[in-house]
Amino acid sequence: MAKIGIDIVENKRISLEESFLKKFLHEKELVLLNNLQSDDAKIQFAAGRWAAKEAIIKCLEEKFAANIINIGYKNDKPVVENKDFSYIELSISHEQNYSVAVALNI
């Protein structure tokens, strides 16, 4: 049976402090974030990842460290790159002050 998870975060709640980011961003995601030019872009990126990982955890109903999940892109679409979680469909969206994500465990 498919399960769904959703999460929304207010972007201003996201800190760009490295110790905070390392708690939920995969090392490859940290590289992507550090390549972004503006703090606004970095916060939006991090907020989207936060929401996505919360949504993934909700649809899996398991406890694990969010920073083990690597979200990349395929054809401009966010995808979970870990083989153990490759069956999860993911969508991330941003609107001014908020980021939202939906994860589907198919």
PDB file of N, CA and C in Angstrom:
ATOM      1  N   MET A   1       0.836  -1.179   0.000  1.00  0.00           N
ATOM      2  CA  MET A   1       0.000   0.000   0.000  1.00  0.00           C
ATOM      3  C   MET A   1       0.883   1.245   0.000  1.00  0.00           C
ATOM      4  N   ALA A   2       0.575   2.183  -0.866  1.00  0.00           N
ATOM      5  CA  ALA A   2       1.343   3.421  -0.964  1.00  0.00           C
ATOM      6  C   ALA A   2       1.092   4.285   0.269  1.00  0.00           C
ATOM      7  N   LYS A   3       2.116   5.001   0.670  1.00  0.00           N
ATOM      8  CA  LYS A   3       2.007   5.931   1.795  1.00  0.00           C
ATOM      9  C   LYS A   3       2.503   7.291   1.329  1.00  0.00           C
ATOM     10  N   ILE A   4       1.937   8.340   1.925  1.00  0.00           N
ATOM     11  CA  ILE A   4       2.296   9.692   1.533  1.00  0.00           C
ATOM     12  C   ILE A   4       2.752  10.477   2.763  1.00  0.00           C
ATOM     13  N   GLY A   5       3.684  11.383   2.548  1.00  0.00           N
ATOM     14  CA  GLY A   5       4.140  12.291   3.593  1.00  0.00           C
ATOM     15  C   GLY A   5       4.195  13.691   3.019  1.00  0.00           C
ATOM     16  N   ILE A   6       3.899  14.674   3.846  1.00  0.00           N
ATOM     17  CA  ILE A   6       3.947  16.072   3.415  1.00  0.00           C
ATOM     18  C   ILE A   6       4.519  16.914   4.545  1.00  0.00           C
ATOM     19  N   ASP A   7       5.234  17.968   4.182  1.00  0.00           N
ATOM     20  CA  ASP A   7       5.746  18.886   5.188  1.00  0.00           C
ATOM     21  C   ASP A   7       5.863  20.276   4.577  1.00  0.00           C
ATOM     22  N   ILE A   8       5.660  21.275   5.412  1.00  0.00           N
ATOM     23  CA  ILE A   8       5.813  22.677   5.006  1.00  0.00           C
ATOM     24  C   ILE A   8       6.671  23.363   6.062  1.00  0.00           C
ATOM     25  N   VAL A   9       7.510  24.269   5.618  1.00  0.00           N
ATOM     26  CA  VAL A   9       8.371  25.003   6.541  1.00  0.00           C
ATOM     27  C   VAL A   9       8.387  26.474   6.144  1.00  0.00           C
ATOM     28  N   GLU A  10       8.352  27.330   7.144  1.00  0.00           N
ATOM     29  CA  GLU A  10       8.524  28.753   6.905  1.00  0.00           C
ATOM     30  C   GLU A  10      10.017  28.999   6.737  1.00  0.00           C
ATOM     31  N   ASN A  11      10.406  29.548   5.599  1.00  0.00           N
ATOM     32  CA  ASN A  11      11.824  29.669   5.249  1.00  0.00           C
ATOM     33  C   ASN A  11      12.642  30.403   6.303  1.00  0.00           C
ATOM     34  N   LYS A  12      12.075  31.399   6.957  1.00  0.00           N
ATOM     35  CA  LYS A  12      12.852  32.179   7.922  1.00  0.00           C
ATOM     36  C   LYS A  12      13.255  31.362   9.153  1.00  0.00           C
ATOM     37  N   ARG A  13      12.690  30.179   9.318  1.00  0.00           N
ATOM     38  CA  ARG A  13      13.071  29.311  10.435  1.00  0.00           C
ATOM     39  C   ARG A  13      14.365  28.547  10.148  1.00  0.00           C
ATOM     40  N   ILE A  14      14.837  28.609   8.916  1.00  0.00           N
ATOM     41  CA  ILE A  14      16.040  27.875   8.516  1.00  0.00           C
ATOM     42  C   ILE A  14      17.275  28.744   8.737  1.00  0.00           C
ATOM     43  N   SER A  15      18.235  28.174   9.418  1.00  0.00           N
ATOM     44  CA  SER A  15      19.503  28.852   9.691  1.00  0.00           C
ATOM     45  C   SER A  15      20.562  28.379   8.701  1.00  0.00           C
ATOM     46  N   LEU A  16      21.477  29.254   8.361  1.00  0.00           N
ATOM     47  CA  LEU A  16      22.579  28.866   7.481  1.00  0.00           C
ATOM     48  C   LEU A  16      23.836  28.498   8.270  1.00  0.00           C
ATOM     49  N   GLU A  17      23.688  28.298   9.567  1.00  0.00           N
ATOM     50  CA  GLU A  17      24.817  27.855  10.381  1.00  0.00           C
ATOM     51  C   GLU A  17      25.187  26.430   9.984  1.00  0.00           C
ATOM     52  N   GLU A  18      26.474  26.210   9.770  1.00  0.00           N
ATOM     53  CA  GLU A  18      26.956  24.916   9.280  1.00  0.00           C
ATOM     54  C   GLU A  18      26.553  23.760  10.191  1.00  0.00           C
ATOM     55  N   SER A  19      26.631  23.957  11.490  1.00  0.00           N
ATOM     56  CA  SER A  19      26.281  22.872  12.420  1.00  0.00           C
ATOM     57  C   SER A  19      24.817  22.469  12.277  1.00  0.00           C
ATOM     58  N   PHE A  20      23.947  23.431  12.002  1.00  0.00           N
ATOM     59  CA  PHE A  20      22.534  23.136  11.777  1.00  0.00           C
ATOM     60  C   PHE A  20      22.335  22.401  10.457  1.00  0.00           C
ATOM     61  N   LEU A  21      22.937  22.916   9.389  1.00  0.00           N
ATOM     62  CA  LEU A  21      22.771  22.323   8.063  1.00  0.00           C
ATOM     63  C   LEU A  21      23.271  20.887   8.001  1.00  0.00           C
ATOM     64  N   LYS A  22      24.362  20.599   8.689  1.00  0.00           N
ATOM     65  CA  LYS A  22      24.935  19.251   8.665  1.00  0.00           C
ATOM     66  C   LYS A  22      24.024  18.217   9.328  1.00  0.00           C
ATOM     67  N   LYS A  23      23.066  18.664  10.114  1.00  0.00           N
ATOM     68  CA  LYS A  23      22.140  17.736  10.775  1.00  0.00           C
ATOM     69  C   LYS A  23      21.159  17.107   9.799  1.00  0.00           C
ATOM     70  N   PHE A  24      20.869  17.812   8.683  1.00  0.00           N
ATOM     71  CA  PHE A  24      19.874  17.258   7.771  1.00  0.00           C
ATOM     72  C   PHE A  24      20.288  17.243   6.305  1.00  0.00           C
ATOM     73  N   LEU A  25      21.362  17.926   5.940  1.00  0.00           N
ATOM     74  CA  LEU A  25      21.807  17.902   4.543  1.00  0.00           C
ATOM     75  C   LEU A  25      22.898  16.862   4.335  1.00  0.00           C
ATOM     76  N   HIS A  26      22.779  16.114   3.273  1.00  0.00           N
ATOM     77  CA  HIS A  26      23.798  15.157   2.843  1.00  0.00           C
ATOM     78  C   HIS A  26      25.015  15.946   2.372  1.00  0.00           C
ATOM     79  N   GLU A  27      26.183  15.349   2.427  1.00  0.00           N
ATOM     80  CA  GLU A  27      27.410  16.056   2.016  1.00  0.00           C
ATOM     81  C   GLU A  27      27.334  16.572   0.581  1.00  0.00           C
ATOM     82  N   LYS A  28      26.676  15.840  -0.322  1.00  0.00           N
ATOM     83  CA  LYS A  28      26.529  16.309  -1.705  1.00  0.00           C
ATOM     84  C   LYS A  28      25.585  17.502  -1.788  1.00  0.00           C
ATOM     85  N   GLU A  29      24.578  17.528  -0.913  1.00  0.00           N
ATOM     86  CA  GLU A  29      23.659  18.668  -0.883  1.00  0.00           C
ATOM     87  C   GLU A  29      24.357  19.908  -0.333  1.00  0.00           C
ATOM     88  N   LEU A  30      25.263  19.714   0.611  1.00  0.00           N
ATOM     89  CA  LEU A  30      26.039  20.849   1.138  1.00  0.00           C
ATOM     90  C   LEU A  30      26.867  21.500   0.041  1.00  0.00           C
ATOM     91  N   VAL A  31      27.399  20.689  -0.865  1.00  0.00           N
ATOM     92  CA  VAL A  31      28.161  21.233  -1.995  1.00  0.00           C
ATOM     93  C   VAL A  31      27.245  22.071  -2.884  1.00  0.00           C
ATOM     94  N   LEU A  32      26.061  21.537  -3.207  1.00  0.00           N
ATOM     95  CA  LEU A  32      25.100  22.289  -4.029  1.00  0.00           C
ATOM     96  C   LEU A  32      24.732  23.610  -3.356  1.00  0.00           C
ATOM     97  N   LEU A  33      24.452  23.564  -2.062  1.00  0.00           N
ATOM     98  CA  LEU A  33      24.082  24.766  -1.323  1.00  0.00           C
ATOM     99  C   LEU A  33      25.203  25.799  -1.354  1.00  0.00           C
ATOM    100  N   ASN A  34      26.428  25.361  -1.137  1.00  0.00           N
ATOM    101  CA  ASN A  34      27.562  26.288  -1.103  1.00  0.00           C
ATOM    102  C   ASN A  34      27.868  26.903  -2.465  1.00  0.00           C
ATOM    103  N   ASN A  35      27.380  26.289  -3.545  1.00  0.00           N
ATOM    104  CA  ASN A  35      27.577  26.845  -4.878  1.00  0.00           C
ATOM    105  C   ASN A  35      26.545  27.922  -5.225  1.00  0.00           C
ATOM    106  N   LEU A  36      25.519  28.068  -4.405  1.00  0.00           N
ATOM    107  CA  LEU A  36      24.507  29.088  -4.636  1.00  0.00           C
ATOM    108  C   LEU A  36      25.070  30.455  -4.251  1.00  0.00           C
ATOM    109  N   GLN A  37      24.643  31.477  -4.957  1.00  0.00           N
ATOM    110  CA  GLN A  37      25.231  32.805  -4.797  1.00  0.00           C
ATOM    111  C   GLN A  37      24.663  33.603  -3.628  1.00  0.00           C
ATOM    112  N   SER A  38      23.374  33.589  -3.435  1.00  0.00           N
ATOM    113  CA  SER A  38      22.769  34.463  -2.425  1.00  0.00           C
ATOM    114  C   SER A  38      22.295  33.672  -1.207  1.00  0.00           C
ATOM    115  N   ASP A  39      22.220  34.358  -0.082  1.00  0.00           N
ATOM    116  CA  ASP A  39      21.697  33.732   1.137  1.00  0.00           C
ATOM    117  C   ASP A  39      20.230  33.345   0.963  1.00  0.00           C
ATOM    118  N   ASP A  40      19.456  34.155   0.233  1.00  0.00           N
ATOM    119  CA  ASP A  40      18.051  33.818  -0.015  1.00  0.00           C
ATOM    120  C   ASP A  40      17.924  32.500  -0.768  1.00  0.00           C
ATOM    121  N   ALA A  41      18.757  32.303  -1.779  1.00  0.00           N
ATOM    122  CA  ALA A  41      18.735  31.052  -2.539  1.00  0.00           C
ATOM    123  C   ALA A  41      19.152  29.881  -1.656  1.00  0.00           C
ATOM    124  N   LYS A  42      20.132  30.097  -0.811  1.00  0.00           N
ATOM    125  CA  LYS A  42      20.597  29.045   0.099  1.00  0.00           C
ATOM    126  C   LYS A  42      19.504  28.656   1.100  1.00  0.00           C
ATOM    127  N   ILE A  43      18.820  29.662   1.639  1.00  0.00           N
ATOM    128  CA  ILE A  43      17.752  29.378   2.595  1.00  0.00           C
ATOM    129  C   ILE A  43      16.615  28.636   1.917  1.00  0.00           C
ATOM    130  N   GLN A  44      16.248  29.037   0.709  1.00  0.00           N
ATOM    131  CA  GLN A  44      15.169  28.356  -0.018  1.00  0.00           C
ATOM    132  C   GLN A  44      15.563  26.907  -0.318  1.00  0.00           C
ATOM    133  N   PHE A  45      16.794  26.695  -0.742  1.00  0.00           N
ATOM    134  CA  PHE A  45      17.286  25.345  -1.008  1.00  0.00           C
ATOM    135  C   PHE A  45      17.219  24.493   0.256  1.00  0.00           C
ATOM    136  N   ALA A  46      17.758  25.016   1.351  1.00  0.00           N
ATOM    137  CA  ALA A  46      17.790  24.263   2.610  1.00  0.00           C
ATOM    138  C   ALA A  46      16.377  24.001   3.131  1.00  0.00           C
ATOM    139  N   ALA A  47      15.495  24.984   3.020  1.00  0.00           N
ATOM    140  CA  ALA A  47      14.116  24.807   3.476  1.00  0.00           C
ATOM    141  C   ALA A  47      13.402  23.722   2.666  1.00  0.00           C
ATOM    142  N   GLY A  48      13.634  23.705   1.366  1.00  0.00           N
ATOM    143  CA  GLY A  48      13.045  22.663   0.527  1.00  0.00           C
ATOM    144  C   GLY A  48      13.538  21.286   0.900  1.00  0.00           C
ATOM    145  N   ARG A  49      14.836  21.180   1.186  1.00  0.00           N
ATOM    146  CA  ARG A  49      15.403  19.892   1.608  1.00  0.00           C
ATOM    147  C   ARG A  49      14.861  19.463   2.965  1.00  0.00           C
ATOM    148  N   TRP A  50      14.721  20.432   3.874  1.00  0.00           N
ATOM    149  CA  TRP A  50      14.162  20.128   5.198  1.00  0.00           C
ATOM    150  C   TRP A  50      12.752  19.546   5.032  1.00  0.00           C
ATOM    151  N   ALA A  51      11.902  20.242   4.272  1.00  0.00           N
ATOM    152  CA  ALA A  51      10.532  19.785   4.064  1.00  0.00           C
ATOM    153  C   ALA A  51      10.506  18.421   3.382  1.00  0.00           C
ATOM    154  N   ALA A  52      11.372  18.228   2.392  1.00  0.00           N
ATOM    155  CA  ALA A  52      11.405  16.959   1.666  1.00  0.00           C
ATOM    156  C   ALA A  52      11.788  15.797   2.580  1.00  0.00           C
ATOM    157  N   LYS A  53      12.771  16.013   3.400  1.00  0.00           N
ATOM    158  CA  LYS A  53      13.231  14.927   4.271  1.00  0.00           C
ATOM    159  C   LYS A  53      12.217  14.619   5.363  1.00  0.00           C
ATOM    160  N   GLU A  54      11.550  15.644   5.870  1.00  0.00           N
ATOM    161  CA  GLU A  54      10.467  15.408   6.831  1.00  0.00           C
ATOM    162  C   GLU A  54       9.341  14.610   6.161  1.00  0.00           C
ATOM    163  N   ALA A  55       9.015  14.947   4.915  1.00  0.00           N
ATOM    164  CA  ALA A  55       7.968  14.232   4.189  1.00  0.00           C
ATOM    165  C   ALA A  55       8.374  12.780   3.940  1.00  0.00           C
ATOM    166  N   ILE A  56       9.640  12.555   3.605  1.00  0.00           N
ATOM    167  CA  ILE A  56      10.131  11.192   3.379  1.00  0.00           C
ATOM    168  C   ILE A  56      10.036  10.369   4.662  1.00  0.00           C
ATOM    169  N   ILE A  57      10.487  10.943   5.755  1.00  0.00           N
ATOM    170  CA  ILE A  57      10.426  10.233   7.036  1.00  0.00           C
ATOM    171  C   ILE A  57       8.984   9.890   7.400  1.00  0.00           C
ATOM    172  N   LYS A  58       8.065  10.810   7.137  1.00  0.00           N
ATOM    173  CA  LYS A  58       6.651  10.561   7.429  1.00  0.00           C
ATOM    174  C   LYS A  58       6.090   9.428   6.576  1.00  0.00           C
ATOM    175  N   CYS A  59       6.434   9.379   5.306  1.00  0.00           N
ATOM    176  CA  CYS A  59       5.850   8.337   4.451  1.00  0.00           C
ATOM    177  C   CYS A  59       6.497   6.980   4.697  1.00  0.00           C
ATOM    178  N   LEU A  60       7.706   6.956   5.234  1.00  0.00           N
ATOM    179  CA  LEU A  60       8.359   5.687   5.546  1.00  0.00           C
ATOM    180  C   LEU A  60       8.024   5.189   6.938  1.00  0.00           C
ATOM    181  N   GLU A  61       7.571   6.101   7.792  1.00  0.00           N
ATOM    182  CA  GLU A  61       7.244   5.778   9.179  1.00  0.00           C
ATOM    183  C   GLU A  61       8.421   5.120   9.895  1.00  0.00           C
ATOM    184  N   GLU A  62       9.613   5.606   9.606  1.00  0.00           N
ATOM    185  CA  GLU A  62      10.831   5.087  10.233  1.00  0.00           C
ATOM    186  C   GLU A  62      11.623   6.260  10.801  1.00  0.00           C
ATOM    187  N   LYS A  63      12.443   5.969  11.787  1.00  0.00           N
ATOM    188  CA  LYS A  63      13.340   6.980  12.335  1.00  0.00           C
ATOM    189  C   LYS A  63      14.740   6.731  11.777  1.00  0.00           C
ATOM    190  N   PHE A  64      15.341   7.753  11.210  1.00  0.00           N
ATOM    191  CA  PHE A  64      16.721   7.690  10.745  1.00  0.00           C
ATOM    192  C   PHE A  64      17.216   9.114  10.561  1.00  0.00           C
ATOM    193  N   ALA A  65      18.524   9.262  10.482  1.00  0.00           N
ATOM    194  CA  ALA A  65      19.110  10.598  10.313  1.00  0.00           C
ATOM    195  C   ALA A  65      18.805  11.120   8.915  1.00  0.00           C
ATOM    196  N   ALA A  66      18.269  12.322   8.847  1.00  0.00           N
ATOM    197  CA  ALA A  66      17.891  12.915   7.564  1.00  0.00           C
ATOM    198  C   ALA A  66      19.100  13.140   6.660  1.00  0.00           C
ATOM    199  N   ASN A  67      20.282  13.330   7.234  1.00  0.00           N
ATOM    200  CA  ASN A  67      21.459  13.636   6.409  1.00  0.00           C
ATOM    201  C   ASN A  67      22.014  12.434   5.656  1.00  0.00           C
ATOM    202  N   ILE A  68      21.419  11.259   5.836  1.00  0.00           N
ATOM    203  CA  ILE A  68      21.849  10.108   5.018  1.00  0.00           C
ATOM    204  C   ILE A  68      21.151  10.100   3.664  1.00  0.00           C
ATOM    205  N   ILE A  69      20.075  10.878   3.544  1.00  0.00           N
ATOM    206  CA  ILE A  69      19.326  10.942   2.289  1.00  0.00           C
ATOM    207  C   ILE A  69      19.923  12.025   1.407  1.00  0.00           C
ATOM    208  N   ASN A  70      20.213  11.668   0.159  1.00  0.00           N
ATOM    209  CA  ASN A  70      20.723  12.626  -0.816  1.00  0.00           C
ATOM    210  C   ASN A  70      19.663  12.871  -1.874  1.00  0.00           C
ATOM    211  N   ILE A  71      19.219  14.117  -1.972  1.00  0.00           N
ATOM    212  CA  ILE A  71      18.235  14.491  -2.983  1.00  0.00           C
ATOM    213  C   ILE A  71      18.976  15.231  -4.096  1.00  0.00           C
ATOM    214  N   GLY A  72      18.920  14.664  -5.275  1.00  0.00           N
ATOM    215  CA  GLY A  72      19.538  15.276  -6.443  1.00  0.00           C
ATOM    216  C   GLY A  72      18.463  15.648  -7.439  1.00  0.00           C
ATOM    217  N   TYR A  73      18.860  15.762  -8.690  1.00  0.00           N
ATOM    218  CA  TYR A  73      17.911  16.125  -9.752  1.00  0.00           C
ATOM    219  C   TYR A  73      18.094  15.203 -10.947  1.00  0.00           C
ATOM    220  N   LYS A  74      16.972  14.862 -11.554  1.00  0.00           N
ATOM    221  CA  LYS A  74      16.972  14.129 -12.822  1.00  0.00           C
ATOM    222  C   LYS A  74      15.930  14.808 -13.688  1.00  0.00           C
ATOM    223  N   ASN A  75      16.365  15.335 -14.836  1.00  0.00           N
ATOM    224  CA  ASN A  75      15.471  16.096 -15.715  1.00  0.00           C
ATOM    225  C   ASN A  75      14.794  17.235 -14.962  1.00  0.00           C
ATOM    226  N   ASP A  76      15.563  17.944 -14.150  1.00  0.00           N
ATOM    227  CA  ASP A  76      15.085  19.082 -13.354  1.00  0.00           C
ATOM    228  C   ASP A  76      14.039  18.719 -12.312  1.00  0.00           C
ATOM    229  N   LYS A  77      13.909  17.450 -11.996  1.00  0.00           N
ATOM    230  CA  LYS A  77      12.953  16.983 -10.994  1.00  0.00           C
ATOM    231  C   LYS A  77      13.731  16.443  -9.802  1.00  0.00           C
ATOM    232  N   PRO A  78      13.320  16.790  -8.563  1.00  0.00           N
ATOM    233  CA  PRO A  78      14.030  16.247  -7.407  1.00  0.00           C
ATOM    234  C   PRO A  78      13.817  14.740  -7.293  1.00  0.00           C
ATOM    235  N   VAL A  79      14.913  14.034  -7.056  1.00  0.00           N
ATOM    236  CA  VAL A  79      14.848  12.582  -6.891  1.00  0.00           C
ATOM    237  C   VAL A  79      15.740  12.172  -5.718  1.00  0.00           C
ATOM    238  N   VAL A  80      15.318  11.114  -5.041  1.00  0.00           N
ATOM    239  CA  VAL A  80      16.136  10.551  -3.977  1.00  0.00           C
ATOM    240  C   VAL A  80      17.184   9.678  -4.649  1.00  0.00           C
ATOM    241  N   GLU A  81      18.447   9.996  -4.425  1.00  0.00           N
ATOM    242  CA  GLU A  81      19.526   9.291  -5.119  1.00  0.00           C
ATOM    243  C   GLU A  81      20.012   8.041  -4.386  1.00  0.00           C
ATOM    244  N   ASN A  82      19.645   7.847  -3.123  1.00  0.00           N
ATOM    245  CA  ASN A  82      20.036   6.652  -2.390  1.00  0.00           C
ATOM    246  C   ASN A  82      19.298   5.439  -2.948  1.00  0.00           C
ATOM    247  N   LYS A  83      20.026   4.376  -3.248  1.00  0.00           N
ATOM    248  CA  LYS A  83      19.387   3.165  -3.792  1.00  0.00           C
ATOM    249  C   LYS A  83      18.350   2.600  -2.827  1.00  0.00           C
ATOM    250  N   ASP A  84      18.608   2.705  -1.528  1.00  0.00           N
ATOM    251  CA  ASP A  84      17.673   2.167  -0.538  1.00  0.00           C
ATOM    252  C   ASP A  84      16.335   2.906  -0.517  1.00  0.00           C
ATOM    253  N   PHE A  85      16.311   4.124  -1.035  1.00  0.00           N
ATOM    254  CA  PHE A  85      15.092   4.935  -1.024  1.00  0.00           C
ATOM    255  C   PHE A  85      14.669   5.358  -2.428  1.00  0.00           C
ATOM    256  N   SER A  86      15.168   4.711  -3.454  1.00  0.00           N
ATOM    257  CA  SER A  86      14.921   5.140  -4.832  1.00  0.00           C
ATOM    258  C   SER A  86      13.467   4.950  -5.278  1.00  0.00           C
ATOM    259  N   TYR A  87      12.688   4.222  -4.533  1.00  0.00           N
ATOM    260  CA  TYR A  87      11.287   3.982  -4.877  1.00  0.00           C
ATOM    261  C   TYR A  87      10.382   5.133  -4.417  1.00  0.00           C
ATOM    262  N   ILE A  88      10.935   6.137  -3.779  1.00  0.00           N
ATOM    263  CA  ILE A  88      10.150   7.259  -3.277  1.00  0.00           C
ATOM    264  C   ILE A  88      10.029   8.339  -4.353  1.00  0.00           C
ATOM    265  N   GLU A  89       8.812   8.748  -4.638  1.00  0.00           N
ATOM    266  CA  GLU A  89       8.548   9.867  -5.540  1.00  0.00           C
ATOM    267  C   GLU A  89       8.499  11.129  -4.700  1.00  0.00           C
ATOM    268  N   LEU A  90       9.040  12.221  -5.232  1.00  0.00           N
ATOM    269  CA  LEU A  90       9.214  13.426  -4.442  1.00  0.00           C
ATOM    270  C   LEU A  90       8.867  14.671  -5.245  1.00  0.00           C
ATOM    271  N   SER A  91       8.240  15.638  -4.588  1.00  0.00           N
ATOM    272  CA  SER A  91       7.982  16.940  -5.183  1.00  0.00           C
ATOM    273  C   SER A  91       8.291  18.009  -4.140  1.00  0.00           C
ATOM    274  N   ILE A  92       9.001  19.055  -4.559  1.00  0.00           N
ATOM    275  CA  ILE A  92       9.345  20.184  -3.693  1.00  0.00           C
ATOM    276  C   ILE A  92       8.878  21.458  -4.390  1.00  0.00           C
ATOM    277  N   SER A  93       8.274  22.361  -3.610  1.00  0.00           N
ATOM    278  CA  SER A  93       7.807  23.619  -4.180  1.00  0.00           C
ATOM    279  C   SER A  93       8.086  24.759  -3.207  1.00  0.00           C
ATOM    280  N   HIS A  94       8.240  25.956  -3.764  1.00  0.00           N
ATOM    281  CA  HIS A  94       8.538  27.144  -2.971  1.00  0.00           C
ATOM    282  C   HIS A  94       7.555  28.252  -3.326  1.00  0.00           C
ATOM    283  N   GLU A  95       7.170  29.021  -2.317  1.00  0.00           N
ATOM    284  CA  GLU A  95       6.305  30.183  -2.512  1.00  0.00           C
ATOM    285  C   GLU A  95       6.726  31.265  -1.534  1.00  0.00           C
ATOM    286  N   GLN A  96       7.405  32.260  -1.998  1.00  0.00           N
ATOM    287  CA  GLN A  96       7.895  33.395  -1.211  1.00  0.00           C
ATOM    288  C   GLN A  96       8.483  32.969   0.130  1.00  0.00           C
ATOM    289  N   ASN A  97       7.664  32.840   1.164  1.00  0.00           N
ATOM    290  CA  ASN A  97       8.149  32.598   2.519  1.00  0.00           C
ATOM    291  C   ASN A  97       8.080  31.153   2.973  1.00  0.00           C
ATOM    292  N   TYR A  98       7.605  30.266   2.107  1.00  0.00           N
ATOM    293  CA  TYR A  98       7.393  28.874   2.508  1.00  0.00           C
ATOM    294  C   TYR A  98       7.961  27.905   1.479  1.00  0.00           C
ATOM    295  N   SER A  99       8.340  26.738   1.998  1.00  0.00           N
ATOM    296  CA  SER A  99       8.731  25.615   1.134  1.00  0.00           C
ATOM    297  C   SER A  99       7.918  24.411   1.578  1.00  0.00           C
ATOM    298  N   VAL A 100       7.491  23.630   0.613  1.00  0.00           N
ATOM    299  CA  VAL A 100       6.653  22.475   0.892  1.00  0.00           C
ATOM    300  C   VAL A 100       7.168  21.288   0.077  1.00  0.00           C
ATOM    301  N   ALA A 101       6.969  20.099   0.625  1.00  0.00           N
ATOM    302  CA  ALA A 101       7.369  18.889  -0.111  1.00  0.00           C
ATOM    303  C   ALA A 101       6.368  17.769   0.160  1.00  0.00           C
ATOM    304  N   VAL A 102       6.213  16.933  -0.847  1.00  0.00           N
ATOM    305  CA  VAL A 102       5.373  15.750  -0.748  1.00  0.00           C
ATOM    306  C   VAL A 102       6.215  14.558  -1.170  1.00  0.00           C
ATOM    307  N   ALA A 103       6.135  13.482  -0.398  1.00  0.00           N
ATOM    308  CA  ALA A 103       6.841  12.247  -0.723  1.00  0.00           C
ATOM    309  C   ALA A 103       5.829  11.105  -0.790  1.00  0.00           C
ATOM    310  N   LEU A 104       5.993  10.270  -1.786  1.00  0.00           N
ATOM    311  CA  LEU A 104       5.111   9.128  -1.986  1.00  0.00           C
ATOM    312  C   LEU A 104       5.934   7.864  -1.988  1.00  0.00           C
ATOM    313  N   ASN A 105       5.638   6.974  -1.080  1.00  0.00           N
ATOM    314  CA  ASN A 105       6.284   5.672  -0.971  1.00  0.00           C
ATOM    315  C   ASN A 105       5.450   4.701  -1.794  1.00  0.00           C
ATOM    316  N   ILE A 106       5.930   4.391  -3.015  1.00  0.00           N
ATOM    317  CA  ILE A 106       5.131   3.549  -3.919  1.00  0.00           C
ATOM    318  C   ILE A 106       5.510   2.087  -3.854  1.00  0.00           C
TER     319      ILE A 106
END
